[in-house]
PDB file of N, CA and C in Angstrom:
ATOM      1  N   LYS A   1      86.262  98.307 102.905  1.00  0.00           N
ATOM      2  CA  LYS A   1      86.538  98.685 104.282  1.00  0.00           C
ATOM      3  C   LYS A   1      87.187  97.552 105.064  1.00  0.00           C
ATOM      4  N   THR A   2      86.815  96.324 104.776  1.00  0.00           N
ATOM      5  CA  THR A   2      87.419  95.202 105.502  1.00  0.00           C
ATOM      6  C   THR A   2      88.894  95.072 105.136  1.00  0.00           C
ATOM      7  N   PHE A   3      89.232  95.301 103.886  1.00  0.00           N
ATOM      8  CA  PHE A   3      90.630  95.251 103.466  1.00  0.00           C
ATOM      9  C   PHE A   3      91.448  96.309 104.200  1.00  0.00           C
ATOM     10  N   ARG A   4      90.885  97.501 104.306  1.00  0.00           N
ATOM     11  CA  ARG A   4      91.579  98.593 105.007  1.00  0.00           C
ATOM     12  C   ARG A   4      91.795  98.234 106.475  1.00  0.00           C
ATOM     13  N   LYS A   5      90.807  97.628 107.101  1.00  0.00           N
ATOM     14  CA  LYS A   5      90.940  97.227 108.501  1.00  0.00           C
ATOM     15  C   LYS A   5      92.005  96.140 108.658  1.00  0.00           C
ATOM     16  N   LYS A   6      92.057  95.213 107.701  1.00  0.00           N
ATOM     17  CA  LYS A   6      93.077  94.160 107.762  1.00  0.00           C
ATOM     18  C   LYS A   6      94.473  94.760 107.620  1.00  0.00           C
ATOM     19  N   ILE A   7      94.636  95.673 106.689  1.00  0.00           N
ATOM     20  CA  ILE A   7      95.936  96.315 106.489  1.00  0.00           C
ATOM     21  C   ILE A   7      96.326  97.114 107.732  1.00  0.00           C
ATOM     22  N   LEU A   8      95.393  97.843 108.321  1.00  0.00           N
ATOM     23  CA  LEU A   8      95.665  98.609 109.540  1.00  0.00           C
ATOM     24  C   LEU A   8      96.065  97.680 110.682  1.00  0.00           C
ATOM     25  N   PHE A   9      95.393  96.540 110.795  1.00  0.00           N
ATOM     26  CA  PHE A   9      95.735  95.567 111.831  1.00  0.00           C
ATOM     27  C   PHE A   9      97.140  95.003 111.613  1.00  0.00           C
ATOM     28  N   ILE A  10      97.467  94.681 110.378  1.00  0.00           N
ATOM     29  CA  ILE A  10      98.791  94.137 110.067  1.00  0.00           C
ATOM     30  C   ILE A  10      99.872  95.176 110.364  1.00  0.00           C
ATOM     31  N   CYS A  11      99.641  96.416 109.939  1.00  0.00           N
ATOM     32  CA  CYS A  11     100.623  97.485 110.198  1.00  0.00           C
ATOM     33  C   CYS A  11     100.783  97.736 111.693  1.00  0.00           C
ATOM     34  N   SER A  12      99.695  97.729 112.416  1.00  0.00           N
ATOM     35  CA  SER A  12      99.758  97.922 113.873  1.00  0.00           C
ATOM     36  C   SER A  12     100.517  96.781 114.545  1.00  0.00           C
ATOM     37  N   SER A  13     100.293  95.570 114.072  1.00  0.00           N
ATOM     38  CA  SER A  13     100.997  94.415 114.639  1.00  0.00           C
ATOM     39  C   SER A  13     102.490  94.485 114.366  1.00  0.00           C
ATOM     40  N   ILE A  14     102.857  94.883 113.155  1.00  0.00           N
ATOM     41  CA  ILE A  14     104.272  95.013 112.819  1.00  0.00           C
ATOM     42  C   ILE A  14     104.916  96.110 113.664  1.00  0.00           C
ATOM     43  N   THR A  15     104.209  97.226 113.825  1.00  0.00           N
ATOM     44  CA  THR A  15     104.715  98.318 114.655  1.00  0.00           C
ATOM     45  C   THR A  15     104.907  97.852 116.092  1.00  0.00           C
ATOM     46  N   ALA A  16     103.933  97.121 116.624  1.00  0.00           N
ATOM     47  CA  ALA A  16     104.041  96.604 117.994  1.00  0.00           C
ATOM     48  C   ALA A  16     105.231  95.658 118.120  1.00  0.00           C
ATOM     49  N   LEU A  17     105.460  94.855 117.107  1.00  0.00           N
ATOM     50  CA  LEU A  17     106.592  93.928 117.131  1.00  0.00           C
ATOM     51  C   LEU A  17     107.918  94.686 117.119  1.00  0.00           C
ATOM     52  N   VAL A  18     108.018  95.715 116.292  1.00  0.00           N
ATOM     53  CA  VAL A  18     109.247  96.513 116.225  1.00  0.00           C
ATOM     54  C   VAL A  18     109.529  97.170 117.573  1.00  0.00           C
ATOM     55  N   VAL A  19     108.508  97.763 118.176  1.00  0.00           N
ATOM     56  CA  VAL A  19     108.687  98.416 119.471  1.00  0.00           C
ATOM     57  C   VAL A  19     109.008  97.375 120.543  1.00  0.00           C
ATOM     58  N   CYS A  20     108.401  96.206 120.455  1.00  0.00           N
ATOM     59  CA  CYS A  20     108.661  95.136 121.418  1.00  0.00           C
ATOM     60  C   CYS A  20     110.118  94.680 121.347  1.00  0.00           C
ATOM     61  N   VAL A  21     110.646  94.543 120.141  1.00  0.00           N
ATOM     62  CA  VAL A  21     112.022  94.072 119.977  1.00  0.00           C
ATOM     63  C   VAL A  21     113.034  95.159 120.322  1.00  0.00           C
ATOM     64  N   SER A  22     112.788  96.373 119.851  1.00  0.00           N
ATOM     65  CA  SER A  22     113.786  97.439 120.029  1.00  0.00           C
ATOM     66  C   SER A  22     113.576  98.244 121.307  1.00  0.00           C
ATOM     67  N   GLY A  23     112.443  98.105 121.938  1.00  0.00           N
ATOM     68  CA  GLY A  23     112.169  98.841 123.172  1.00  0.00           C
ATOM     69  C   GLY A  23     111.437 100.147 122.892  1.00  0.00           C
ATOM     70  N   ASN A  24     111.155 100.863 123.974  1.00  0.00           N
ATOM     71  CA  ASN A  24     110.397 102.110 123.861  1.00  0.00           C
ATOM     72  C   ASN A  24     111.137 103.184 123.087  1.00  0.00           C
ATOM     73  N   ILE A  25     112.458 103.127 123.111  1.00  0.00           N
ATOM     74  CA  ILE A  25     113.221 104.145 122.400  1.00  0.00           C
ATOM     75  C   ILE A  25     112.998 104.021 120.892  1.00  0.00           C
ATOM     76  N   GLY A  26     112.794 102.811 120.402  1.00  0.00           N
ATOM     77  CA  GLY A  26     112.494 102.611 118.988  1.00  0.00           C
ATOM     78  C   GLY A  26     111.189 103.271 118.582  1.00  0.00           C
ATOM     79  N   PHE A  27     110.332 103.508 119.543  1.00  0.00           N
ATOM     80  CA  PHE A  27     109.060 104.180 119.300  1.00  0.00           C
ATOM     81  C   PHE A  27     109.281 105.587 118.741  1.00  0.00           C
ATOM     82  N   ILE A  28     110.381 106.214 119.143  1.00  0.00           N
ATOM     83  CA  ILE A  28     110.692 107.568 118.680  1.00  0.00           C
ATOM     84  C   ILE A  28     110.912 107.595 117.176  1.00  0.00           C
ATOM     85  N   GLY A  29     111.508 106.524 116.666  1.00  0.00           N
ATOM     86  CA  GLY A  29     111.719 106.430 115.227  1.00  0.00           C
ATOM     87  C   GLY A  29     110.420 106.411 114.448  1.00  0.00           C
ATOM     88  N   LEU A  30     109.331 106.111 115.118  1.00  0.00           N
ATOM     89  CA  LEU A  30     108.025 106.111 114.473  1.00  0.00           C
ATOM     90  C   LEU A  30     107.301 107.446 114.635  1.00  0.00           C
ATOM     91  N   VAL A  31     107.555 108.145 115.726  1.00  0.00           N
ATOM     92  CA  VAL A  31     106.807 109.360 116.036  1.00  0.00           C
ATOM     93  C   VAL A  31     107.456 110.624 115.462  1.00  0.00           C
ATOM     94  N   ILE A  32     108.770 110.743 115.565  1.00  0.00           N
ATOM     95  CA  ILE A  32     109.467 111.965 115.137  1.00  0.00           C
ATOM     96  C   ILE A  32     109.190 112.313 113.670  1.00  0.00           C
ATOM     97  N   PRO A  33     109.267 111.364 112.729  1.00  0.00           N
ATOM     98  CA  PRO A  33     108.969 111.743 111.333  1.00  0.00           C
ATOM     99  C   PRO A  33     107.557 112.306 111.149  1.00  0.00           C
ATOM    100  N   HIS A  34     106.597 111.762 111.888  1.00  0.00           N
ATOM    101  CA  HIS A  34     105.230 112.280 111.783  1.00  0.00           C
ATOM    102  C   HIS A  34     105.128 113.695 112.340  1.00  0.00           C
ATOM    103  N   MET A  35     105.824 113.941 113.447  1.00  0.00           N
ATOM    104  CA  MET A  35     105.842 115.294 114.005  1.00  0.00           C
ATOM    105  C   MET A  35     106.446 116.275 113.005  1.00  0.00           C
ATOM    106  N   LEU A  36     107.520 115.855 112.372  1.00  0.00           N
ATOM    107  CA  LEU A  36     108.184 116.737 111.407  1.00  0.00           C
ATOM    108  C   LEU A  36     107.317 116.990 110.179  1.00  0.00           C
ATOM    109  N   ARG A  37     106.551 116.005 109.757  1.00  0.00           N
ATOM    110  CA  ARG A  37     105.650 116.210 108.609  1.00  0.00           C
ATOM    111  C   ARG A  37     104.626 117.305 108.912  1.00  0.00           C
ATOM    112  N   ILE A  38     104.142 117.331 110.140  1.00  0.00           N
ATOM    113  CA  ILE A  38     103.169 118.359 110.517  1.00  0.00           C
ATOM    114  C   ILE A  38     103.860 119.710 110.653  1.00  0.00           C
ATOM    115  N   ILE A  39     105.047 119.729 111.264  1.00  0.00           N
ATOM    116  CA  ILE A  39     105.770 120.990 111.444  1.00  0.00           C
ATOM    117  C   ILE A  39     106.155 121.598 110.097  1.00  0.00           C
ATOM    118  N   LEU A  40     106.650 120.745 109.181  1.00  0.00           N
ATOM    119  CA  LEU A  40     107.095 121.227 107.868  1.00  0.00           C
ATOM    120  C   LEU A  40     105.949 121.378 106.873  1.00  0.00           C
ATOM    121  N   LYS A  41     104.755 120.914 107.263  1.00  0.00           N
ATOM    122  CA  LYS A  41     103.559 120.988 106.415  1.00  0.00           C
ATOM    123  C   LYS A  41     103.796 120.368 105.040  1.00  0.00           C
ATOM    124  N   GLY A  42     104.298 119.159 105.053  1.00  0.00           N
ATOM    125  CA  GLY A  42     104.532 118.445 103.804  1.00  0.00           C
ATOM    126  C   GLY A  42     105.229 117.135 104.066  1.00  0.00           C
ATOM    127  N   SER A  43     105.457 116.405 102.995  1.00  0.00           N
ATOM    128  CA  SER A  43     106.102 115.107 103.162  1.00  0.00           C
ATOM    129  C   SER A  43     107.262 114.946 102.183  1.00  0.00           C
ATOM    130  N   ASP A  44     108.064 115.988 102.056  1.00  0.00           N
ATOM    131  CA  ASP A  44     109.244 115.924 101.204  1.00  0.00           C
ATOM    132  C   ASP A  44     110.323 115.124 101.936  1.00  0.00           C
ATOM    133  N   ASN A  45     110.542 113.885 101.487  1.00  0.00           N
ATOM    134  CA  ASN A  45     111.462 112.997 102.191  1.00  0.00           C
ATOM    135  C   ASN A  45     112.913 113.473 102.146  1.00  0.00           C
ATOM    136  N   LYS A  46     113.242 114.325 101.204  1.00  0.00           N
ATOM    137  CA  LYS A  46     114.600 114.875 101.172  1.00  0.00           C
ATOM    138  C   LYS A  46     114.848 115.768 102.384  1.00  0.00           C
ATOM    139  N   LYS A  47     113.804 116.362 102.917  1.00  0.00           N
ATOM    140  CA  LYS A  47     113.929 117.175 104.126  1.00  0.00           C
ATOM    141  C   LYS A  47     113.649 116.352 105.382  1.00  0.00           C
ATOM    142  N   ILE A  48     112.626 115.493 105.299  1.00  0.00           N
ATOM    143  CA  ILE A  48     112.166 114.747 106.472  1.00  0.00           C
ATOM    144  C   ILE A  48     113.235 113.774 106.980  1.00  0.00           C
ATOM    145  N   LEU A  49     113.894 113.056 106.091  1.00  0.00           N
ATOM    146  CA  LEU A  49     114.839 112.027 106.517  1.00  0.00           C
ATOM    147  C   LEU A  49     116.006 112.586 107.327  1.00  0.00           C
ATOM    148  N   PRO A  50     116.742 113.577 106.809  1.00  0.00           N
ATOM    149  CA  PRO A  50     117.851 114.088 107.633  1.00  0.00           C
ATOM    150  C   PRO A  50     117.374 114.785 108.905  1.00  0.00           C
ATOM    151  N   LEU A  51     116.231 115.480 108.820  1.00  0.00           N
ATOM    152  CA  LEU A  51     115.716 116.140 110.014  1.00  0.00           C
ATOM    153  C   LEU A  51     115.211 115.132 111.047  1.00  0.00           C
ATOM    154  N   SER A  52     114.772 113.955 110.577  1.00  0.00           N
ATOM    155  CA  SER A  52     114.352 112.903 111.506  1.00  0.00           C
ATOM    156  C   SER A  52     115.539 112.392 112.311  1.00  0.00           C
ATOM    157  N   PHE A  53     116.700 112.259 111.652  1.00  0.00           N
ATOM    158  CA  PHE A  53     117.905 111.837 112.377  1.00  0.00           C
ATOM    159  C   PHE A  53     118.247 112.853 113.458  1.00  0.00           C
ATOM    160  N   ILE A  54     118.262 114.104 113.061  1.00  0.00           N
ATOM    161  CA  ILE A  54     118.630 115.171 113.998  1.00  0.00           C
ATOM    162  C   ILE A  54     117.562 115.323 115.085  1.00  0.00           C
ATOM    163  N   GLY A  55     116.304 115.369 114.672  1.00  0.00           N
ATOM    164  CA  GLY A  55     115.202 115.529 115.628  1.00  0.00           C
ATOM    165  C   GLY A  55     115.109 114.368 116.603  1.00  0.00           C
ATOM    166  N   GLY A  56     115.300 113.144 116.111  1.00  0.00           N
ATOM    167  CA  GLY A  56     115.270 111.974 116.996  1.00  0.00           C
ATOM    168  C   GLY A  56     116.398 112.016 118.007  1.00  0.00           C
ATOM    169  N   GLY A  57     117.586 112.414 117.548  1.00  0.00           N
ATOM    170  CA  GLY A  57     118.728 112.529 118.456  1.00  0.00           C
ATOM    171  C   GLY A  57     118.507 113.583 119.522  1.00  0.00           C
ATOM    172  N   ILE A  58     118.005 114.724 119.105  1.00  0.00           N
ATOM    173  CA  ILE A  58     117.735 115.812 120.059  1.00  0.00           C
ATOM    174  C   ILE A  58     116.659 115.380 121.056  1.00  0.00           C
ATOM    175  N   PHE A  59     115.616 114.743 120.545  1.00  0.00           N
ATOM    176  CA  PHE A  59     114.535 114.289 121.415  1.00  0.00           C
ATOM    177  C   PHE A  59     115.041 113.287 122.451  1.00  0.00           C
ATOM    178  N   LEU A  60     115.884 112.346 122.015  1.00  0.00           N
ATOM    179  CA  LEU A  60     116.422 111.368 122.964  1.00  0.00           C
ATOM    180  C   LEU A  60     117.362 112.011 123.966  1.00  0.00           C
ATOM    181  N   GLN A  61     118.140 113.001 123.531  1.00  0.00           N
ATOM    182  CA  GLN A  61     119.015 113.705 124.467  1.00  0.00           C
ATOM    183  C   GLN A  61     118.196 114.433 125.534  1.00  0.00           C
ATOM    184  N   LEU A  62     117.150 115.113 125.103  1.00  0.00           N
ATOM    185  CA  LEU A  62     116.286 115.817 126.055  1.00  0.00           C
ATOM    186  C   LEU A  62     115.576 114.834 126.988  1.00  0.00           C
ATOM    187  N   SER A  63     115.130 113.703 126.432  1.00  0.00           N
ATOM    188  CA  SER A  63     114.480 112.688 127.261  1.00  0.00           C
ATOM    189  C   SER A  63     115.447 112.130 128.292  1.00  0.00           C
ATOM    190  N   ASP A  64     116.691 111.895 127.881  1.00  0.00           N
ATOM    191  CA  ASP A  64     117.701 111.395 128.808  1.00  0.00           C
ATOM    192  C   ASP A  64     117.990 112.416 129.900  1.00  0.00           C
ATOM    193  N   LEU A  65     118.068 113.674 129.517  1.00  0.00           N
ATOM    194  CA  LEU A  65     118.300 114.738 130.493  1.00  0.00           C
ATOM    195  C   LEU A  65     117.171 114.788 131.520  1.00  0.00           C
ATOM    196  N   ILE A  66     115.938 114.740 131.038  1.00  0.00           N
ATOM    197  CA  ILE A  66     114.785 114.751 131.942  1.00  0.00           C
ATOM    198  C   ILE A  66     114.818 113.518 132.850  1.00  0.00           C
ATOM    199  N   ALA A  67     115.140 112.348 132.276  1.00  0.00           N
ATOM    200  CA  ALA A  67     115.175 111.107 133.062  1.00  0.00           C
ATOM    201  C   ALA A  67     116.213 111.177 134.177  1.00  0.00           C
ATOM    202  N   ARG A  68     117.322 111.849 133.924  1.00  0.00           N
ATOM    203  CA  ARG A  68     118.384 111.934 134.936  1.00  0.00           C
ATOM    204  C   ARG A  68     118.122 113.014 135.978  1.00  0.00           C
ATOM    205  N   VAL A  69     117.439 114.082 135.583  1.00  0.00           N
ATOM    206  CA  VAL A  69     117.287 115.241 136.471  1.00  0.00           C
ATOM    207  C   VAL A  69     115.968 115.217 137.247  1.00  0.00           C
ATOM    208  N   ALA A  70     114.928 114.645 136.700  1.00  0.00           N
ATOM    209  CA  ALA A  70     113.588 114.744 137.284  1.00  0.00           C
ATOM    210  C   ALA A  70     113.518 114.283 138.738  1.00  0.00           C
ATOM    211  N   LEU A  71     114.082 113.139 139.031  1.00  0.00           N
ATOM    212  CA  LEU A  71     114.030 112.616 140.407  1.00  0.00           C
ATOM    213  C   LEU A  71     115.431 112.435 140.971  1.00  0.00           C
ATOM    214  N   SER A  72     116.289 113.385 140.691  1.00  0.00           N
ATOM    215  CA  SER A  72     117.680 113.303 141.124  1.00  0.00           C
ATOM    216  C   SER A  72     117.749 113.068 142.627  1.00  0.00           C
ATOM    217  N   PRO A  73     118.569 112.218 143.128  1.00  0.00           N
ATOM    218  CA  PRO A  73     119.684 111.473 142.556  1.00  0.00           C
ATOM    219  C   PRO A  73     119.290 110.155 141.906  1.00  0.00           C
ATOM    220  N   LYS A  74     118.008 109.797 141.908  1.00  0.00           N
ATOM    221  CA  LYS A  74     117.567 108.581 141.225  1.00  0.00           C
ATOM    222  C   LYS A  74     117.347 108.889 139.750  1.00  0.00           C
ATOM    223  N   GLU A  75     117.379 107.840 138.945  1.00  0.00           N
ATOM    224  CA  GLU A  75     117.146 108.013 137.517  1.00  0.00           C
ATOM    225  C   GLU A  75     115.887 107.270 137.105  1.00  0.00           C
ATOM    226  N   ILE A  76     115.184 107.850 136.162  1.00  0.00           N
ATOM    227  CA  ILE A  76     114.020 107.216 135.557  1.00  0.00           C
ATOM    228  C   ILE A  76     114.492 106.597 134.250  1.00  0.00           C
ATOM    229  N   SER A  77     113.859 105.559 133.813  1.00  0.00           N
ATOM    230  CA  SER A  77     114.181 104.959 132.521  1.00  0.00           C
ATOM    231  C   SER A  77     113.845 105.944 131.394  1.00  0.00           C
ATOM    232  N   VAL A  78     114.716 106.024 130.418  1.00  0.00           N
ATOM    233  CA  VAL A  78     114.481 106.919 129.282  1.00  0.00           C
ATOM    234  C   VAL A  78     113.213 106.502 128.543  1.00  0.00           C
ATOM    235  N   GLY A  79     112.951 105.203 128.511  1.00  0.00           N
ATOM    236  CA  GLY A  79     111.750 104.708 127.838  1.00  0.00           C
ATOM    237  C   GLY A  79     110.468 105.259 128.440  1.00  0.00           C
ATOM    238  N   ILE A  80     110.473 105.484 129.740  1.00  0.00           N
ATOM    239  CA  ILE A  80     109.282 106.045 130.398  1.00  0.00           C
ATOM    240  C   ILE A  80     109.050 107.473 129.919  1.00  0.00           C
ATOM    241  N   ILE A  81     110.118 108.251 129.833  1.00  0.00           N
ATOM    242  CA  ILE A  81     109.990 109.636 129.377  1.00  0.00           C
ATOM    243  C   ILE A  81     109.539 109.685 127.923  1.00  0.00           C
ATOM    244  N   THR A  82     110.148 108.855 127.070  1.00  0.00           N
ATOM    245  CA  THR A  82     109.750 108.860 125.655  1.00  0.00           C
ATOM    246  C   THR A  82     108.300 108.409 125.498  1.00  0.00           C
ATOM    247  N   SER A  83     107.869 107.482 126.344  1.00  0.00           N
ATOM    248  CA  SER A  83     106.473 107.028 126.277  1.00  0.00           C
ATOM    249  C   SER A  83     105.507 108.134 126.697  1.00  0.00           C
ATOM    250  N   PHE A  84     105.861 108.860 127.756  1.00  0.00           N
ATOM    251  CA  PHE A  84     105.000 109.954 128.207  1.00  0.00           C
ATOM    252  C   PHE A  84     104.846 111.033 127.140  1.00  0.00           C
ATOM    253  N   LEU A  85     105.887 111.269 126.394  1.00  0.00           N
ATOM    254  CA  LEU A  85     105.830 112.306 125.370  1.00  0.00           C
ATOM    255  C   LEU A  85     105.340 111.778 124.026  1.00  0.00           C
ATOM    256  N   GLY A  86     105.718 110.557 123.686  1.00  0.00           N
ATOM    257  CA  GLY A  86     105.389 110.019 122.371  1.00  0.00           C
ATOM    258  C   GLY A  86     104.010 109.393 122.270  1.00  0.00           C
ATOM    259  N   ALA A  87     103.581 108.698 123.295  1.00  0.00           N
ATOM    260  CA  ALA A  87     102.296 107.991 123.243  1.00  0.00           C
ATOM    261  C   ALA A  87     101.100 108.926 123.042  1.00  0.00           C
ATOM    262  N   PRO A  88     101.006 110.052 123.771  1.00  0.00           N
ATOM    263  CA  PRO A  88      99.862 110.939 123.529  1.00  0.00           C
ATOM    264  C   PRO A  88      99.846 111.482 122.095  1.00  0.00           C
ATOM    265  N   TYR A  89     101.016 111.757 121.563  1.00  0.00           N
ATOM    266  CA  TYR A  89     101.075 112.247 120.188  1.00  0.00           C
ATOM    267  C   TYR A  89     100.635 111.165 119.212  1.00  0.00           C
ATOM    268  N   PHE A  90     101.064 109.936 119.457  1.00  0.00           N
ATOM    269  CA  PHE A  90     100.669 108.829 118.590  1.00  0.00           C
ATOM    270  C   PHE A  90      99.164 108.606 118.654  1.00  0.00           C
ATOM    271  N   ILE A  91      98.574 108.720 119.828  1.00  0.00           N
ATOM    272  CA  ILE A  91      97.115 108.593 119.973  1.00  0.00           C
ATOM    273  C   ILE A  91      96.418 109.720 119.214  1.00  0.00           C
ATOM    274  N   TYR A  92      96.975 110.934 119.296  1.00  0.00           N
ATOM    275  CA  TYR A  92      96.442 112.063 118.534  1.00  0.00           C
ATOM    276  C   TYR A  92      96.438 111.749 117.038  1.00  0.00           C
ATOM    277  N   LEU A  93      97.520 111.168 116.541  1.00  0.00           N
ATOM    278  CA  LEU A  93      97.593 110.825 115.122  1.00  0.00           C
ATOM    279  C   LEU A  93      96.529 109.797 114.745  1.00  0.00           C
ATOM    280  N   LEU A  94      96.317 108.806 115.621  1.00  0.00           N
ATOM    281  CA  LEU A  94      95.300 107.790 115.346  1.00  0.00           C
ATOM    282  C   LEU A  94      93.902 108.403 115.294  1.00  0.00           C
ATOM    283  N   ILE A  95      93.601 109.285 116.238  1.00  0.00           N
ATOM    284  CA  ILE A  95      92.288 109.928 116.265  1.00  0.00           C
ATOM    285  C   ILE A  95      92.106 110.814 115.042  1.00  0.00           C
ATOM    286  N   LYS A  96      93.128 111.557 114.690  1.00  0.00           N
ATOM    287  CA  LYS A  96      93.069 112.433 113.517  1.00  0.00           C
ATOM    288  C   LYS A  96      92.853 111.618 112.246  1.00  0.00           C
ATOM    289  N   TYR A  97      93.568 110.512 112.117  1.00  0.00           N
ATOM    290  CA  TYR A  97      93.431 109.659 110.942  1.00  0.00           C
ATOM    291  C   TYR A  97      92.016 109.081 110.859  1.00  0.00           C
ATOM    292  N   ARG A  98      91.495 108.676 112.014  1.00  0.00           N
ATOM    293  CA  ARG A  98      90.161 108.090 112.031  1.00  0.00           C
ATOM    294  C   ARG A  98      89.091 109.108 111.643  1.00  0.00           C
ATOM    295  N   ARG A  99      89.227 110.351 112.123  1.00  0.00           N
ATOM    296  CA  ARG A  99      88.245 111.393 111.784  1.00  0.00           C
ATOM    297  C   ARG A  99      88.283 111.737 110.304  1.00  0.00           C
ATOM    298  N   GLU A 100      89.477 111.745 109.719  1.00  0.00           N
ATOM    299  CA  GLU A 100      89.610 112.091 108.304  1.00  0.00           C
ATOM    300  C   GLU A 100      89.048 111.015 107.395  1.00  0.00           C
ATOM    301  N   ASN A 101      89.050 109.772 107.852  1.00  0.00           N
ATOM    302  CA  ASN A 101      88.629 108.667 107.002  1.00  0.00           C
ATOM    303  C   ASN A 101      87.230 108.156 107.286  1.00  0.00           C
ATOM    304  N   LEU A 102      86.501 108.825 108.133  1.00  0.00           N
ATOM    305  CA  LEU A 102      85.107 108.389 108.396  1.00  0.00           C
ATOM    306  C   LEU A 102      84.134 109.243 107.640  1.00  0.00           C
TER     307      LEU A 102
END
């Protein structure tokens, strides 16, 4: 169990570093594939990879649209919109993973 906790800590730290360097939009690259795995009910990477490109692009376009229209004529940062939508899902994944492994 200690090894698993160390690996989880290392992976979380690397993820935090990636998001820190690339910004909140990079967070989508982490969330969209997981969403697609649940939607497609499997982990066939031949399907997941191309759909992740398309799904990530569509998600960012919708986030940008919401950011521009929500408080028109002012704009919200796209990162705020992606965080509002992506963070709760990521927390859901963490809780689900924890319940399955306890």
